[in-house]
Amino acid sequence: MLFIHYPKCTTCQKAKKWLDEQNINYTERHIVEDNPTYDELKAWYLKSGLPLKRFFNTSGLLYKEMQLKDKLPSMSEEEQLQLLATNGMLVKRPLVIAEKAILVGFKEAEWKENL
C-alpha cells in the first residue's frame, strides 16, 4: 500500500497515526518531493470512480492563487490531469493507493471500511 502525504499537513499526520495504530503496513511518499505523475494520477482517478475534482486540494493556497475554482469547469479531464501532475501541492492529500481502493483525503470511517 502506498501512502502519499505532505509531512507538515495535520490531516496527513492524523492519517499516518491512524495507519500506525491499525498496524497497517505502507510505503510513504512525499507528495511534493515525488509528485504523482500524469500516468499515475490517471490510473488512480479511473480506478477510484471518484470525480476528478476530488483529487484537487481545493483548500490549498496554490489552488486559490491559480483561481482554479473558476478555471476547472472549462478544462478537459486531460488538462486537469496534466495540471495535477505539475505540482504536488495541487493534489488532495493524503492519498492511499491500496489494492482494493484509492482513498483521497482522510475520513476515518471510509478508511476503516476499505483498509
N, C-alpha and C. Protein backbone atom coordinates (compact mmCIF):
# COMPACT_ATOMS: atom_id res chain seq x y z
N MET A 1 0.83 -1.18 0.00
CA MET A 1 0.00 0.00 0.00
C MET A 1 0.88 1.25 0.00
N LEU A 2 0.46 2.23 -0.77
CA LEU A 2 1.22 3.47 -0.87
C LEU A 2 0.47 4.58 -0.13
N PHE A 3 1.19 5.29 0.73
CA PHE A 3 0.63 6.41 1.49
C PHE A 3 1.35 7.67 1.03
N ILE A 4 0.63 8.50 0.28
CA ILE A 4 1.22 9.72 -0.26
C ILE A 4 0.75 10.89 0.58
N HIS A 5 1.72 11.64 1.11
CA HIS A 5 1.36 12.70 2.05
C HIS A 5 2.33 13.87 2.00
N TYR A 6 1.94 14.91 2.72
CA TYR A 6 2.79 16.08 2.93
C TYR A 6 3.04 16.13 4.43
N PRO A 7 4.26 15.88 4.88
CA PRO A 7 4.54 15.73 6.32
C PRO A 7 4.07 16.88 7.21
N LYS A 8 4.00 18.10 6.70
CA LYS A 8 3.57 19.24 7.53
C LYS A 8 2.06 19.36 7.64
N CYS A 9 1.34 18.60 6.85
CA CYS A 9 -0.13 18.65 6.83
C CYS A 9 -0.69 17.91 8.06
N THR A 10 -1.50 18.60 8.85
CA THR A 10 -2.02 17.98 10.09
C THR A 10 -2.96 16.81 9.79
N THR A 11 -3.73 16.92 8.72
CA THR A 11 -4.60 15.81 8.35
C THR A 11 -3.77 14.58 7.97
N CYS A 12 -2.67 14.81 7.27
CA CYS A 12 -1.78 13.71 6.90
C CYS A 12 -1.16 13.08 8.14
N GLN A 13 -0.82 13.91 9.11
CA GLN A 13 -0.24 13.40 10.35
C GLN A 13 -1.25 12.52 11.09
N LYS A 14 -2.52 12.96 11.11
CA LYS A 14 -3.59 12.17 11.75
C LYS A 14 -3.77 10.84 11.03
N ALA A 15 -3.74 10.90 9.70
CA ALA A 15 -3.92 9.69 8.90
C ALA A 15 -2.78 8.71 9.14
N LYS A 16 -1.57 9.21 9.20
CA LYS A 16 -0.40 8.36 9.42
C LYS A 16 -0.49 7.71 10.80
N LYS A 17 -0.88 8.49 11.80
CA LYS A 17 -1.04 7.96 13.16
C LYS A 17 -2.09 6.86 13.16
N TRP A 18 -3.19 7.09 12.45
CA TRP A 18 -4.26 6.10 12.39
C TRP A 18 -3.75 4.80 11.74
N LEU A 19 -3.02 4.92 10.64
CA LEU A 19 -2.46 3.74 9.97
C LEU A 19 -1.55 2.96 10.92
N ASP A 20 -0.69 3.70 11.65
CA ASP A 20 0.23 3.07 12.60
C ASP A 20 -0.53 2.36 13.72
N GLU A 21 -1.59 3.00 14.21
CA GLU A 21 -2.39 2.40 15.30
C GLU A 21 -3.10 1.14 14.84
N GLN A 22 -3.43 1.08 13.55
CA GLN A 22 -4.10 -0.11 13.00
C GLN A 22 -3.10 -1.18 12.56
N ASN A 23 -1.81 -0.88 12.75
CA ASN A 23 -0.74 -1.79 12.31
C ASN A 23 -0.84 -2.13 10.82
N ILE A 24 -1.14 -1.11 10.03
CA ILE A 24 -1.23 -1.28 8.58
C ILE A 24 0.12 -0.91 7.96
N ASN A 25 0.66 -1.82 7.20
CA ASN A 25 1.95 -1.56 6.54
C ASN A 25 1.74 -0.69 5.31
N TYR A 26 2.64 0.25 5.12
CA TYR A 26 2.55 1.14 3.97
C TYR A 26 3.93 1.66 3.60
N THR A 27 4.01 2.14 2.37
CA THR A 27 5.22 2.80 1.90
C THR A 27 4.89 4.29 1.82
N GLU A 28 5.73 5.11 2.44
CA GLU A 28 5.49 6.55 2.44
C GLU A 28 6.06 7.21 1.19
N ARG A 29 5.38 8.24 0.74
CA ARG A 29 5.87 9.02 -0.38
C ARG A 29 5.51 10.49 -0.16
N HIS A 30 6.49 11.36 -0.22
CA HIS A 30 6.32 12.80 -0.02
C HIS A 30 5.73 13.38 -1.31
N ILE A 31 4.55 13.98 -1.19
CA ILE A 31 3.81 14.42 -2.37
C ILE A 31 4.49 15.55 -3.15
N VAL A 32 5.33 16.34 -2.49
CA VAL A 32 6.00 17.44 -3.19
C VAL A 32 7.33 16.98 -3.77
N GLU A 33 8.09 16.23 -2.99
CA GLU A 33 9.39 15.75 -3.47
C GLU A 33 9.24 14.71 -4.57
N ASP A 34 8.14 13.96 -4.54
CA ASP A 34 7.90 12.91 -5.53
C ASP A 34 6.45 13.03 -5.99
N ASN A 35 6.19 14.10 -6.74
CA ASN A 35 4.83 14.39 -7.19
C ASN A 35 4.27 13.25 -8.05
N PRO A 36 3.00 12.90 -7.85
CA PRO A 36 2.41 11.88 -8.71
C PRO A 36 2.49 12.29 -10.18
N THR A 37 2.78 11.33 -11.03
CA THR A 37 2.90 11.61 -12.47
C THR A 37 1.51 11.62 -13.12
N TYR A 38 1.47 12.11 -14.32
CA TYR A 38 0.23 12.12 -15.09
C TYR A 38 -0.35 10.71 -15.19
N ASP A 39 0.52 9.74 -15.55
CA ASP A 39 0.04 8.36 -15.73
C ASP A 39 -0.49 7.77 -14.42
N GLU A 40 0.20 8.04 -13.31
CA GLU A 40 -0.27 7.56 -12.02
C GLU A 40 -1.64 8.17 -11.68
N LEU A 41 -1.73 9.48 -11.81
CA LEU A 41 -2.97 10.18 -11.48
C LEU A 41 -4.14 9.68 -12.33
N LYS A 42 -3.88 9.47 -13.61
CA LYS A 42 -4.95 8.99 -14.50
C LYS A 42 -5.41 7.59 -14.07
N ALA A 43 -4.46 6.72 -13.78
CA ALA A 43 -4.80 5.36 -13.37
C ALA A 43 -5.59 5.37 -12.04
N TRP A 44 -5.13 6.17 -11.09
CA TRP A 44 -5.81 6.24 -9.79
C TRP A 44 -7.20 6.82 -9.92
N TYR A 45 -7.33 7.86 -10.73
CA TYR A 45 -8.62 8.51 -10.96
C TYR A 45 -9.60 7.50 -11.56
N LEU A 46 -9.16 6.78 -12.57
CA LEU A 46 -10.04 5.81 -13.23
C LEU A 46 -10.41 4.67 -12.29
N LYS A 47 -9.45 4.19 -11.50
CA LYS A 47 -9.70 3.09 -10.57
C LYS A 47 -10.61 3.52 -9.41
N SER A 48 -10.49 4.78 -9.00
CA SER A 48 -11.23 5.26 -7.82
C SER A 48 -12.72 5.40 -8.05
N GLY A 49 -13.11 5.74 -9.27
CA GLY A 49 -14.52 6.00 -9.54
C GLY A 49 -14.98 7.35 -9.00
N LEU A 50 -14.04 8.14 -8.47
CA LEU A 50 -14.37 9.45 -7.91
C LEU A 50 -14.35 10.52 -8.99
N PRO A 51 -15.07 11.63 -8.75
CA PRO A 51 -14.95 12.76 -9.68
C PRO A 51 -13.52 13.31 -9.63
N LEU A 52 -13.01 13.76 -10.74
CA LEU A 52 -11.64 14.25 -10.81
C LEU A 52 -11.41 15.42 -9.85
N LYS A 53 -12.43 16.22 -9.63
CA LYS A 53 -12.29 17.38 -8.73
C LYS A 53 -11.87 16.95 -7.32
N ARG A 54 -12.23 15.74 -6.92
CA ARG A 54 -11.85 15.24 -5.58
C ARG A 54 -10.34 15.11 -5.42
N PHE A 55 -9.62 15.04 -6.52
CA PHE A 55 -8.16 14.91 -6.46
C PHE A 55 -7.46 16.25 -6.30
N PHE A 56 -8.22 17.33 -6.38
CA PHE A 56 -7.63 18.66 -6.21
C PHE A 56 -7.68 19.10 -4.75
N ASN A 57 -6.61 19.70 -4.29
CA ASN A 57 -6.52 20.27 -2.94
C ASN A 57 -7.19 21.64 -2.98
N THR A 58 -8.53 21.64 -2.89
CA THR A 58 -9.30 22.87 -3.08
C THR A 58 -9.10 23.88 -1.95
N SER A 59 -8.54 23.46 -0.84
CA SER A 59 -8.30 24.42 0.25
C SER A 59 -6.86 24.93 0.25
N GLY A 60 -6.08 24.47 -0.72
CA GLY A 60 -4.67 24.87 -0.78
C GLY A 60 -4.46 26.27 -1.33
N LEU A 61 -3.37 26.88 -0.91
CA LEU A 61 -3.03 28.24 -1.37
C LEU A 61 -2.83 28.30 -2.87
N LEU A 62 -2.14 27.32 -3.42
CA LEU A 62 -1.84 27.31 -4.85
C LEU A 62 -3.13 27.22 -5.67
N TYR A 63 -4.06 26.38 -5.22
CA TYR A 63 -5.36 26.23 -5.89
C TYR A 63 -6.07 27.59 -5.94
N LYS A 64 -6.02 28.29 -4.81
CA LYS A 64 -6.69 29.59 -4.72
C LYS A 64 -5.95 30.65 -5.55
N GLU A 65 -4.62 30.66 -5.46
CA GLU A 65 -3.82 31.63 -6.23
C GLU A 65 -4.04 31.48 -7.73
N MET A 66 -4.16 30.25 -8.16
CA MET A 66 -4.35 29.98 -9.59
C MET A 66 -5.81 30.14 -10.03
N GLN A 67 -6.69 30.45 -9.06
CA GLN A 67 -8.13 30.63 -9.31
C GLN A 67 -8.73 29.43 -10.04
N LEU A 68 -8.36 28.24 -9.57
CA LEU A 68 -8.80 27.03 -10.26
C LEU A 68 -10.29 26.76 -10.09
N LYS A 69 -10.88 27.29 -9.05
CA LYS A 69 -12.33 27.11 -8.85
C LYS A 69 -13.07 27.58 -10.10
N ASP A 70 -12.60 28.69 -10.68
CA ASP A 70 -13.24 29.25 -11.87
C ASP A 70 -12.77 28.59 -13.16
N LYS A 71 -11.54 28.07 -13.16
CA LYS A 71 -10.95 27.53 -14.39
C LYS A 71 -11.27 26.06 -14.65
N LEU A 72 -11.36 25.25 -13.57
CA LEU A 72 -11.54 23.80 -13.75
C LEU A 72 -12.76 23.42 -14.58
N PRO A 73 -13.93 24.07 -14.35
CA PRO A 73 -15.11 23.64 -15.12
C PRO A 73 -14.93 23.70 -16.63
N SER A 74 -14.09 24.60 -17.11
CA SER A 74 -13.91 24.72 -18.56
C SER A 74 -12.71 23.91 -19.09
N MET A 75 -12.02 23.22 -18.18
CA MET A 75 -10.86 22.41 -18.60
C MET A 75 -11.30 20.96 -18.86
N SER A 76 -10.65 20.33 -19.82
CA SER A 76 -10.94 18.91 -20.08
C SER A 76 -10.31 18.06 -18.97
N GLU A 77 -10.73 16.81 -18.86
CA GLU A 77 -10.12 15.90 -17.88
C GLU A 77 -8.63 15.78 -18.14
N GLU A 78 -8.27 15.71 -19.42
CA GLU A 78 -6.88 15.60 -19.81
C GLU A 78 -6.07 16.79 -19.28
N GLU A 79 -6.61 18.00 -19.47
CA GLU A 79 -5.93 19.22 -19.00
C GLU A 79 -5.83 19.24 -17.47
N GLN A 80 -6.87 18.79 -16.81
CA GLN A 80 -6.87 18.76 -15.34
C GLN A 80 -5.82 17.78 -14.82
N LEU A 81 -5.73 16.62 -15.42
CA LEU A 81 -4.72 15.63 -15.01
C LEU A 81 -3.31 16.15 -15.25
N GLN A 82 -3.11 16.81 -16.40
CA GLN A 82 -1.80 17.39 -16.71
C GLN A 82 -1.43 18.43 -15.64
N LEU A 83 -2.40 19.26 -15.26
CA LEU A 83 -2.18 20.29 -14.26
C LEU A 83 -1.83 19.67 -12.90
N LEU A 84 -2.58 18.66 -12.49
CA LEU A 84 -2.31 17.98 -11.21
C LEU A 84 -0.88 17.44 -11.16
N ALA A 85 -0.41 16.96 -12.29
CA ALA A 85 0.92 16.35 -12.35
C ALA A 85 2.05 17.37 -12.26
N THR A 86 1.72 18.67 -12.33
CA THR A 86 2.77 19.69 -12.32
C THR A 86 3.25 20.04 -10.91
N ASN A 87 2.38 19.84 -9.90
CA ASN A 87 2.75 20.28 -8.55
C ASN A 87 1.98 19.49 -7.49
N GLY A 88 2.71 18.84 -6.61
CA GLY A 88 2.09 18.03 -5.55
C GLY A 88 1.18 18.83 -4.63
N MET A 89 1.41 20.14 -4.53
CA MET A 89 0.56 20.96 -3.66
C MET A 89 -0.84 21.15 -4.23
N LEU A 90 -1.04 20.79 -5.49
CA LEU A 90 -2.39 20.87 -6.07
C LEU A 90 -3.21 19.61 -5.77
N VAL A 91 -2.53 18.55 -5.36
CA VAL A 91 -3.18 17.25 -5.16
C VAL A 91 -3.70 17.11 -3.74
N LYS A 92 -4.95 16.69 -3.63
CA LYS A 92 -5.57 16.44 -2.32
C LYS A 92 -4.78 15.35 -1.60
N ARG A 93 -4.58 15.53 -0.34
CA ARG A 93 -3.81 14.56 0.43
C ARG A 93 -4.47 14.34 1.77
N PRO A 94 -4.15 13.27 2.45
CA PRO A 94 -3.31 12.17 1.98
C PRO A 94 -4.03 11.34 0.91
N LEU A 95 -3.23 10.60 0.19
CA LEU A 95 -3.73 9.68 -0.83
C LEU A 95 -3.28 8.28 -0.43
N VAL A 96 -4.18 7.33 -0.47
CA VAL A 96 -3.80 5.94 -0.22
C VAL A 96 -4.11 5.15 -1.48
N ILE A 97 -3.08 4.47 -1.95
CA ILE A 97 -3.23 3.62 -3.12
C ILE A 97 -3.12 2.18 -2.63
N ALA A 98 -4.26 1.55 -2.48
CA ALA A 98 -4.30 0.18 -1.98
C ALA A 98 -4.79 -0.74 -3.11
N GLU A 99 -4.68 -2.01 -2.88
CA GLU A 99 -5.08 -2.97 -3.90
C GLU A 99 -6.55 -2.83 -4.27
N LYS A 100 -7.39 -2.66 -3.23
CA LYS A 100 -8.83 -2.63 -3.47
C LYS A 100 -9.44 -1.24 -3.52
N ALA A 101 -8.67 -0.22 -3.14
CA ALA A 101 -9.27 1.11 -3.07
C ALA A 101 -8.24 2.22 -3.26
N ILE A 102 -8.75 3.34 -3.75
CA ILE A 102 -7.97 4.58 -3.82
C ILE A 102 -8.70 5.54 -2.88
N LEU A 103 -8.01 6.00 -1.84
CA LEU A 103 -8.63 6.89 -0.87
C LEU A 103 -8.01 8.28 -0.98
N VAL A 104 -8.86 9.28 -1.09
CA VAL A 104 -8.42 10.66 -1.25
C VAL A 104 -8.89 11.46 -0.05
N GLY A 105 -7.94 12.03 0.70
CA GLY A 105 -8.29 12.72 1.94
C GLY A 105 -8.45 11.70 3.05
N PHE A 106 -8.54 12.17 4.29
CA PHE A 106 -8.66 11.25 5.42
C PHE A 106 -10.03 11.33 6.05
N LYS A 107 -10.80 10.26 5.84
CA LYS A 107 -12.09 10.11 6.52
C LYS A 107 -12.01 8.75 7.20
N GLU A 108 -11.91 8.77 8.51
CA GLU A 108 -11.64 7.54 9.27
C GLU A 108 -12.62 6.42 8.93
N ALA A 109 -13.90 6.71 8.85
CA ALA A 109 -14.90 5.67 8.57
C ALA A 109 -14.64 5.02 7.20
N GLU A 110 -14.33 5.85 6.22
CA GLU A 110 -14.04 5.35 4.87
C GLU A 110 -12.78 4.49 4.88
N TRP A 111 -11.77 4.92 5.64
CA TRP A 111 -10.52 4.16 5.71
C TRP A 111 -10.75 2.83 6.41
N LYS A 112 -11.52 2.84 7.51
CA LYS A 112 -11.83 1.59 8.23
C LYS A 112 -12.50 0.59 7.31
N GLU A 113 -13.41 1.08 6.51
CA GLU A 113 -14.17 0.22 5.63
C GLU A 113 -13.32 -0.37 4.50
N ASN A 114 -12.35 0.40 4.03
CA ASN A 114 -11.60 -0.01 2.83
C ASN A 114 -10.20 -0.57 3.07
N LEU A 115 -9.67 -0.42 4.29
CA LEU A 115 -8.31 -0.90 4.53
C LEU A 115 -8.26 -2.08 5.47
